Amino acid sequence: MQDNFAYLLPFIMVTFGSVFLGLQVMGFRAGRYWGLGYILGAVGFALPMVLPESFDLVGALLANFVFLAAFVLYGHALLIQFGAPTYVTMRLGAAAVAYLAVCFFILVQPNLRNELATSDLTLALILAPSIFLVRRKTRNLMDKVLLAAASLVVAETLARVGIFLWFTTGASPESVGAYFTSDYSYLAQFTASICGFLMALSVLGSAIADVIEQHRLEADHDPLTGLLNRRGFDLSAPDFRLTPLPSGAVLICDIDHFKSVNDRFGHATGDRVIIALASLLKEMLPASAKVARFGGEEFVAYVPDMSASQLAILANMARSAFAARNWSEGPFPVHISSSFGVSAIALGDHSIHDAISRADGFLYRAKEAGRNQVVQEGIALLGVTPAASLKVVAS
């Protein structure tokens, strides 16, 4: 049974490593390091089965190096996956010192008990700092499961070292040999393998969650501006059927005479203009705003818990800043402006699109009145400058 398990474990680890490398191709950045780490772990477990007995010394040096490299990669994968600083130089230096300590008990003062204890202890100490650095960076349930599984690997390794040292107190070759032929030794290896298996499953779950989230973000966001697209806006806007009538206001805007910009200067220049207005909207509107590019040069925003008058003031600030933008650094020394329509959510609205439809009507009034202005429904506004750029239309 032990022999069968010994052959099965490298196969399982290679399988997981290959899957992680495949996920890296799909956009899971940490997959490369998880994959290489698990493949190296498989190599470490397979070495005793493939190297002849005459290579005991070489096998010990190589196996310890491979396992240490695997744990360095596990730690690096955690840091990459959670976006934490990697401290590559420092961590590689610590790994080199750890390997030298293991080599001391192989080459300088041969002692199998100290070698095995030092090796396992350094593996835990190599992985533990990465867990500490990412402890507050979990984003979803699977991230928490992964962190718990990695912590379990460290805890199990430390416990195994302690029990091994206690079991082999005599430090004689006979005591170490008795340990390896004991049922406890097999149980300890089995437990360590289970912990590694659980960590691999949690990595897989976290990776799949990350890939799904990335594809969801791509599906809901406009690739040019990074704003929500129409689908993302509809998903993030309040559902009037599920909640009481929400408070807030919406705006809709577009770039004046945008077709002539594209026709005269090309679509690349047009994209620059679109990005500039999108950046202004993100800068001027509060963080709670749902800002979307609905297509072409048209933008829509919903700002919860804000009156139409307040939103019109912010819209006018964005309009003024966009109109004052100096495009002389670009390929076109021209003046570009934008027009806005603003409306509040009102009783009788069945969805956010009812308010957007009214705002769209006010946008057309801004166009008909000469462009480069904000038209808002409601009560007359005071103190908005320039006054000529913001008009109030009775609702």
Protein backbone atom coordinates (compact mmCIF):
# COMPACT_ATOMS: atom_id res chain seq x y z
CA MET A 1 0.00 0.00 0.00
CA GLN A 2 2.83 2.39 0.86
CA ASP A 3 4.54 1.63 -2.45
CA ASN A 4 1.33 2.26 -4.40
CA PHE A 5 0.85 5.55 -2.59
CA ALA A 6 4.45 6.55 -3.30
CA TYR A 7 3.89 6.05 -7.04
CA LEU A 8 0.48 7.74 -7.07
CA LEU A 9 1.53 10.96 -5.34
CA PRO A 10 3.95 12.23 -8.05
CA PHE A 11 1.33 11.50 -10.70
CA ILE A 12 -1.29 13.54 -8.81
CA MET A 13 1.11 16.45 -8.33
CA VAL A 14 2.13 16.47 -12.01
CA THR A 15 -1.53 16.50 -12.96
CA PHE A 16 -2.22 19.52 -10.76
CA GLY A 17 0.92 21.24 -12.02
CA SER A 18 -0.14 20.77 -15.63
CA VAL A 19 -3.62 22.14 -14.88
CA PHE A 20 -2.13 25.23 -13.23
CA LEU A 21 0.15 25.86 -16.21
CA GLY A 22 -2.91 25.57 -18.46
CA LEU A 23 -4.77 28.13 -16.34
CA GLN A 24 -1.83 30.47 -16.69
CA VAL A 25 -2.45 30.50 -20.45
CA MET A 26 -6.06 31.50 -19.68
CA GLY A 27 -4.95 34.55 -17.72
CA PHE A 28 -4.24 33.13 -14.23
CA ARG A 29 -0.89 34.86 -13.63
CA ALA A 30 0.09 32.80 -10.60
CA GLY A 31 -0.57 29.56 -12.49
CA ARG A 32 2.99 29.41 -13.81
CA TYR A 33 4.46 29.36 -10.31
CA TRP A 34 1.88 27.00 -8.82
CA GLY A 35 2.37 24.69 -11.81
CA LEU A 36 6.16 24.64 -11.63
CA GLY A 37 6.02 24.26 -7.85
CA TYR A 38 3.78 21.20 -7.99
CA ILE A 39 5.82 19.64 -10.79
CA LEU A 40 9.01 20.13 -8.77
CA GLY A 41 7.25 18.61 -5.76
CA ALA A 42 6.41 15.58 -7.90
CA VAL A 43 10.06 15.33 -8.94
CA GLY A 44 11.12 15.44 -5.29
CA PHE A 45 8.81 12.56 -4.38
CA ALA A 46 9.87 10.56 -7.44
CA LEU A 47 13.64 10.89 -6.95
CA PRO A 48 13.98 8.08 -4.36
CA MET A 49 12.23 5.73 -6.79
CA VAL A 50 14.37 6.53 -9.83
CA LEU A 51 17.86 7.07 -8.38
CA PRO A 52 19.96 3.98 -7.59
CA GLU A 53 21.17 3.42 -4.02
CA SER A 54 24.71 4.39 -5.00
CA PHE A 55 23.46 7.94 -5.51
CA ASP A 56 22.22 8.44 -1.93
CA LEU A 57 24.34 11.54 -1.37
CA VAL A 58 23.45 13.11 -4.71
CA GLY A 59 19.82 12.13 -4.22
CA ALA A 60 19.68 13.79 -0.80
CA LEU A 61 21.20 17.03 -2.12
CA LEU A 62 18.95 17.05 -5.17
CA ALA A 63 15.74 16.13 -3.33
CA ASN A 64 16.24 18.82 -0.70
CA PHE A 65 16.97 21.40 -3.39
CA VAL A 66 13.89 20.45 -5.41
CA PHE A 67 11.53 20.53 -2.41
CA LEU A 68 12.94 23.86 -1.28
CA ALA A 69 12.51 25.30 -4.78
CA ALA A 70 8.93 24.01 -4.85
CA PHE A 71 8.07 25.82 -1.59
CA VAL A 72 9.76 29.01 -2.81
CA LEU A 73 7.49 28.82 -5.87
CA TYR A 74 4.41 28.17 -3.71
CA GLY A 75 5.18 31.29 -1.70
CA HIS A 76 5.84 33.32 -4.84
CA ALA A 77 2.59 32.10 -6.38
CA LEU A 78 0.64 33.25 -3.32
CA LEU A 79 2.22 36.71 -3.50
CA ILE A 80 1.54 37.03 -7.24
CA GLN A 81 -2.02 35.75 -6.92
CA PHE A 82 -2.93 38.24 -4.21
CA GLY A 83 -0.97 41.16 -5.64
CA ALA A 84 1.46 41.45 -2.72
CA PRO A 85 5.13 42.56 -2.92
CA THR A 86 7.27 39.56 -3.85
CA TYR A 87 10.59 40.49 -2.17
CA VAL A 88 12.31 38.11 -4.58
CA THR A 89 15.90 38.88 -3.58
CA MET A 90 15.21 38.59 0.13
CA ARG A 91 13.25 35.36 -0.23
CA LEU A 92 15.84 33.75 -2.50
CA GLY A 93 18.56 34.73 -0.03
CA ALA A 94 16.62 33.08 2.81
CA ALA A 95 16.15 29.96 0.68
CA ALA A 96 19.89 29.82 -0.07
CA VAL A 97 20.72 30.04 3.64
CA ALA A 98 18.17 27.31 4.37
CA TYR A 99 19.69 25.04 1.73
CA LEU A 100 23.18 25.59 3.11
CA ALA A 101 21.92 24.60 6.57
CA VAL A 102 20.52 21.35 5.16
CA CYS A 103 23.74 20.69 3.22
CA PHE A 104 25.72 21.09 6.43
CA PHE A 105 24.01 18.01 7.85
CA ILE A 106 24.56 16.10 4.60
CA LEU A 107 28.16 16.97 3.73
CA VAL A 108 29.93 18.51 6.74
CA GLN A 109 28.39 16.82 9.75
CA PRO A 110 26.26 13.99 8.34
CA ASN A 111 23.21 13.47 10.53
CA LEU A 112 20.02 12.13 8.97
CA ARG A 113 17.84 13.21 11.91
CA ASN A 114 19.07 16.81 11.80
CA GLU A 115 18.95 16.86 8.00
CA LEU A 116 15.30 15.79 7.86
CA ALA A 117 14.21 18.08 10.68
CA THR A 118 16.06 21.08 9.23
CA SER A 119 14.70 20.40 5.75
CA ASP A 120 11.05 20.27 6.82
CA LEU A 121 11.45 23.22 9.18
CA THR A 122 12.91 25.42 6.44
CA LEU A 123 10.08 24.47 4.07
CA ALA A 124 7.53 25.75 6.58
CA LEU A 125 9.54 28.90 7.27
CA ILE A 126 9.88 29.63 3.53
CA LEU A 127 6.10 29.46 2.95
CA ALA A 128 4.92 31.15 6.16
CA PRO A 129 6.01 34.76 5.33
CA SER A 130 4.03 34.72 2.07
CA ILE A 131 0.91 33.65 3.97
CA PHE A 132 1.47 36.50 6.44
CA LEU A 133 1.90 39.08 3.65
CA VAL A 134 -1.36 38.15 1.89
CA ARG A 135 -3.51 37.58 4.97
CA ARG A 136 -5.56 40.75 4.39
CA LYS A 137 -5.79 40.55 0.62
CA THR A 138 -8.42 37.83 0.20
CA ARG A 139 -11.24 38.84 -2.15
CA ASN A 140 -13.69 35.97 -2.02
CA LEU A 141 -14.49 32.74 -0.20
CA MET A 142 -12.12 30.63 -2.33
CA ASP A 143 -9.25 32.99 -1.52
CA LYS A 144 -9.93 32.45 2.19
CA VAL A 145 -10.03 28.67 1.65
CA LEU A 146 -6.68 28.83 -0.17
CA LEU A 147 -5.10 30.83 2.63
CA ALA A 148 -6.44 28.36 5.20
CA ALA A 149 -5.10 25.40 3.19
CA ALA A 150 -1.63 26.99 2.88
CA SER A 151 -1.65 27.72 6.61
CA LEU A 152 -2.59 24.09 7.25
CA VAL A 153 0.42 22.96 5.21
CA VAL A 154 2.71 25.11 7.36
CA ALA A 155 1.09 23.98 10.63
CA GLU A 156 1.20 20.31 9.63
CA THR A 157 4.87 20.58 8.64
CA LEU A 158 5.85 22.19 11.92
CA ALA A 159 3.87 19.61 13.90
CA ARG A 160 5.48 16.79 11.91
CA VAL A 161 8.97 18.16 12.68
CA GLY A 162 8.17 18.36 16.38
CA ILE A 163 6.80 14.82 16.56
CA PHE A 164 9.71 13.47 14.51
CA LEU A 165 12.24 15.04 16.88
CA TRP A 166 10.36 13.67 19.87
CA PHE A 167 10.11 10.20 18.32
CA THR A 168 13.84 10.11 17.53
CA THR A 169 15.10 11.60 20.79
CA GLY A 170 18.03 9.19 20.92
CA ALA A 171 19.37 10.66 17.67
CA SER A 172 20.80 7.26 16.75
CA PRO A 173 20.56 5.77 13.28
CA GLU A 174 18.46 2.98 14.77
CA SER A 175 15.87 5.42 16.13
CA VAL A 176 15.59 7.20 12.77
CA GLY A 177 15.30 3.87 10.97
CA ALA A 178 12.64 2.71 13.42
CA TYR A 179 10.72 5.89 12.75
CA PHE A 180 10.66 5.31 8.99
CA THR A 181 9.38 1.76 9.41
CA SER A 182 6.67 2.80 11.86
CA ASP A 183 3.01 3.23 11.13
CA TYR A 184 3.28 6.79 12.33
CA SER A 185 5.82 7.60 9.61
CA TYR A 186 3.38 6.43 6.97
CA LEU A 187 0.55 8.35 8.64
CA ALA A 188 2.68 11.51 8.73
CA GLN A 189 3.51 11.17 5.02
CA PHE A 190 -0.13 10.53 4.23
CA THR A 191 -1.25 13.58 6.25
CA ALA A 192 1.34 15.79 4.53
CA SER A 193 0.16 14.56 1.15
CA ILE A 194 -3.47 15.26 2.03
CA CYS A 195 -2.58 18.81 3.08
CA GLY A 196 -0.73 19.34 -0.20
CA PHE A 197 -3.69 17.89 -2.08
CA LEU A 198 -6.12 20.21 -0.28
CA MET A 199 -3.92 23.20 -1.06
CA ALA A 200 -3.89 22.20 -4.73
CA LEU A 201 -7.69 21.93 -4.77
CA SER A 202 -8.04 25.32 -3.11
CA VAL A 203 -5.59 26.86 -5.59
CA LEU A 204 -7.69 25.40 -8.40
CA GLY A 205 -10.90 26.78 -6.88
CA SER A 206 -9.36 30.22 -6.35
CA ALA A 207 -7.91 30.22 -9.86
CA ILE A 208 -11.26 29.34 -11.43
CA ALA A 209 -12.93 32.07 -9.35
CA ASP A 210 -10.30 34.58 -10.55
CA VAL A 211 -10.68 33.57 -14.20
CA ILE A 212 -14.47 33.79 -13.99
CA GLU A 213 -14.25 37.19 -12.29
CA GLN A 214 -11.82 38.44 -14.96
CA HIS A 215 -14.10 37.34 -17.77
CA ARG A 216 -17.08 38.89 -15.98
CA LEU A 217 -15.23 42.19 -15.69
CA GLU A 218 -14.33 42.07 -19.37
CA ALA A 219 -17.95 41.31 -20.28
CA ASP A 220 -19.26 44.22 -18.17
CA HIS A 221 -16.68 46.91 -19.00
CA ASP A 222 -15.76 48.92 -22.04
CA PRO A 223 -12.21 47.97 -23.11
CA LEU A 224 -11.33 51.47 -24.37
CA THR A 225 -12.27 53.55 -21.32
CA GLY A 226 -12.54 51.02 -18.52
CA LEU A 227 -16.05 52.28 -17.76
CA LEU A 228 -19.07 50.01 -17.55
CA ASN A 229 -20.64 49.05 -20.84
CA ARG A 230 -24.42 48.96 -21.36
CA ARG A 231 -24.66 45.41 -19.98
CA GLY A 232 -22.54 46.24 -16.93
CA PHE A 233 -24.57 49.38 -16.28
CA ASP A 234 -27.87 47.49 -16.39
CA LEU A 235 -26.50 44.89 -13.95
CA SER A 236 -25.18 47.51 -11.49
CA ALA A 237 -28.15 49.88 -11.67
CA PRO A 238 -30.91 49.43 -9.06
CA ASP A 239 -33.73 47.06 -9.95
CA PHE A 240 -36.95 48.98 -9.36
CA ARG A 241 -38.89 45.72 -9.06
CA LEU A 242 -36.86 44.47 -6.10
CA THR A 243 -36.28 47.67 -4.11
CA PRO A 244 -38.28 50.77 -3.21
CA LEU A 245 -37.92 53.66 -5.62
CA PRO A 246 -34.23 54.62 -5.34
CA SER A 247 -33.13 58.21 -4.96
CA GLY A 248 -30.65 59.77 -7.31
CA ALA A 249 -30.21 61.33 -10.69
CA VAL A 250 -28.82 60.41 -14.10
CA LEU A 251 -26.92 62.22 -16.78
CA ILE A 252 -26.31 61.47 -20.40
CA CYS A 253 -23.71 63.25 -22.50
CA ASP A 254 -21.87 63.04 -25.75
CA ILE A 255 -19.12 64.83 -27.64
CA ASP A 256 -20.22 67.63 -29.94
CA HIS A 257 -19.52 67.11 -33.65
CA PHE A 258 -17.62 63.93 -32.86
CA LYS A 259 -18.08 62.52 -36.36
CA SER A 260 -16.09 65.40 -37.81
CA VAL A 261 -13.21 64.61 -35.41
CA ASN A 262 -13.15 61.02 -36.64
CA ASP A 263 -13.47 62.06 -40.28
CA ARG A 264 -10.74 64.70 -40.13
CA PHE A 265 -8.21 63.10 -37.80
CA GLY A 266 -8.96 59.37 -37.75
CA HIS A 267 -10.39 56.94 -35.26
CA ALA A 268 -7.24 56.78 -33.13
CA THR A 269 -7.58 60.50 -32.41
CA GLY A 270 -11.29 60.01 -31.80
CA ASP A 271 -10.45 57.34 -29.23
CA ARG A 272 -8.19 59.82 -27.43
CA VAL A 273 -11.04 62.28 -27.18
CA ILE A 274 -13.42 59.61 -25.87
CA ILE A 275 -10.87 58.53 -23.24
CA ALA A 276 -10.40 62.16 -22.16
CA LEU A 277 -14.12 62.69 -21.51
CA ALA A 278 -14.39 59.31 -19.76
CA SER A 279 -11.50 60.27 -17.46
CA LEU A 280 -13.18 63.57 -16.60
CA LEU A 281 -16.42 61.84 -15.71
CA LYS A 282 -14.61 59.39 -13.43
CA GLU A 283 -12.74 62.28 -11.82
CA MET A 284 -15.70 64.65 -11.36
CA LEU A 285 -18.39 62.21 -10.26
CA PRO A 286 -18.44 60.59 -6.81
CA ALA A 287 -17.13 57.08 -6.24
CA SER A 288 -20.68 55.77 -5.85
CA ALA A 289 -21.56 56.79 -9.41
CA LYS A 290 -22.23 54.11 -12.03
CA VAL A 291 -20.59 55.52 -15.15
CA ALA A 292 -20.94 53.75 -18.49
CA ARG A 293 -20.07 54.19 -22.11
CA PHE A 294 -23.24 53.27 -23.98
CA GLY A 295 -21.57 53.27 -27.37
CA GLY A 296 -19.64 55.58 -29.65
CA GLU A 297 -19.19 58.91 -27.88
CA GLU A 298 -22.27 58.58 -25.64
CA PHE A 299 -21.90 58.26 -21.86
CA VAL A 300 -24.47 57.65 -19.12
CA ALA A 301 -24.08 57.95 -15.34
CA TYR A 302 -26.35 57.18 -12.41
CA VAL A 303 -25.47 58.83 -9.10
CA PRO A 304 -27.44 57.52 -6.11
CA ASP A 305 -28.66 59.85 -3.34
CA MET A 306 -27.99 62.99 -5.37
CA SER A 307 -30.46 65.55 -6.66
CA ALA A 308 -30.63 66.58 -10.28
CA SER A 309 -29.44 70.07 -9.32
CA GLN A 310 -26.34 68.73 -7.58
CA LEU A 311 -25.55 66.41 -10.47
CA ALA A 312 -26.03 69.25 -12.96
CA ILE A 313 -23.38 71.27 -11.14
CA LEU A 314 -20.90 68.38 -11.41
CA ALA A 315 -21.85 67.86 -15.06
CA ASN A 316 -21.20 71.52 -15.75
CA MET A 317 -17.78 71.28 -14.13
CA ALA A 318 -16.93 68.33 -16.38
CA ARG A 319 -18.31 70.13 -19.43
CA SER A 320 -16.28 73.27 -18.64
CA ALA A 321 -13.06 71.31 -18.04
CA PHE A 322 -13.51 69.35 -21.27
CA ALA A 323 -14.20 72.49 -23.30
CA ALA A 324 -11.11 74.19 -21.83
CA ARG A 325 -8.83 71.25 -22.59
CA ASN A 326 -5.76 72.18 -24.59
CA TRP A 327 -5.49 69.81 -27.54
CA SER A 328 -2.53 71.62 -29.09
CA GLU A 329 -0.20 68.91 -27.83
CA GLY A 330 -2.07 66.41 -29.96
CA PRO A 331 -2.41 66.19 -33.73
CA PHE A 332 -5.38 68.55 -33.97
CA PRO A 333 -5.43 72.22 -32.83
CA VAL A 334 -9.22 72.37 -32.57
CA HIS A 335 -11.84 73.16 -29.94
CA ILE A 336 -13.94 70.21 -28.76
CA SER A 337 -16.95 70.48 -26.47
CA SER A 338 -19.64 68.24 -24.99
CA SER A 339 -23.33 68.49 -24.13
CA PHE A 340 -25.24 67.06 -21.16
CA GLY A 341 -28.77 66.22 -20.16
CA VAL A 342 -29.64 65.64 -16.49
CA SER A 343 -32.78 64.19 -14.92
CA ALA A 344 -33.81 62.94 -11.48
CA ILE A 345 -35.44 59.58 -10.84
CA ALA A 346 -39.16 60.30 -10.42
CA LEU A 347 -42.28 58.63 -9.10
CA GLY A 348 -43.77 56.46 -11.80
CA ASP A 349 -40.40 55.39 -13.22
CA HIS A 350 -40.40 51.65 -13.89
CA SER A 351 -36.63 51.43 -14.44
CA ILE A 352 -33.53 53.56 -14.58
CA HIS A 353 -34.08 53.86 -18.32
CA ASP A 354 -37.17 56.04 -17.79
CA ALA A 355 -34.94 58.68 -16.17
CA ILE A 356 -32.29 58.16 -18.86
CA SER A 357 -34.93 58.71 -21.54
CA ARG A 358 -35.87 62.08 -20.01
CA ALA A 359 -32.20 63.04 -19.68
CA ASP A 360 -31.73 62.09 -23.33
CA GLY A 361 -34.51 64.53 -24.25
CA PHE A 362 -32.71 67.30 -22.37
CA LEU A 363 -29.47 66.37 -24.14
CA TYR A 364 -31.18 66.97 -27.47
CA ARG A 365 -32.39 70.34 -26.21
CA ALA A 366 -28.79 71.20 -25.36
CA LYS A 367 -27.80 70.27 -28.91
CA GLU A 368 -30.60 72.33 -30.43
CA ALA A 369 -29.67 75.31 -28.24
CA GLY A 370 -26.11 75.43 -29.56
CA ARG A 371 -24.26 72.58 -27.79
CA ASN A 372 -21.54 72.89 -25.11
CA GLN A 373 -24.08 73.18 -22.30
CA VAL A 374 -25.97 71.30 -19.62
CA VAL A 375 -29.76 71.15 -19.68
CA GLN A 376 -31.45 70.03 -16.48
CA GLU A 377 -35.05 69.68 -15.41
CA GLY A 378 -36.40 71.18 -12.23
CA ILE A 379 -36.01 74.35 -10.19
CA ALA A 380 -33.85 77.28 -11.30
CA LEU A 381 -30.25 77.02 -10.17
CA LEU A 382 -28.17 79.77 -8.56
CA GLY A 383 -24.45 80.31 -8.55
CA VAL A 384 -23.62 77.98 -11.46
CA THR A 385 -20.95 79.37 -13.75
CA PRO A 386 -20.90 80.09 -16.54
CA ALA A 387 -24.64 80.77 -16.35
CA ALA A 388 -25.05 80.61 -20.09
CA SER A 389 -23.83 77.04 -20.15
CA LEU A 390 -26.49 75.53 -17.90
CA LYS A 391 -30.18 75.77 -18.67
CA VAL A 392 -33.10 74.74 -16.55
CA VAL A 393 -36.16 73.21 -18.16
CA ALA A 394 -39.40 72.80 -16.24
CA SER A 395 -40.15 69.16 -15.64
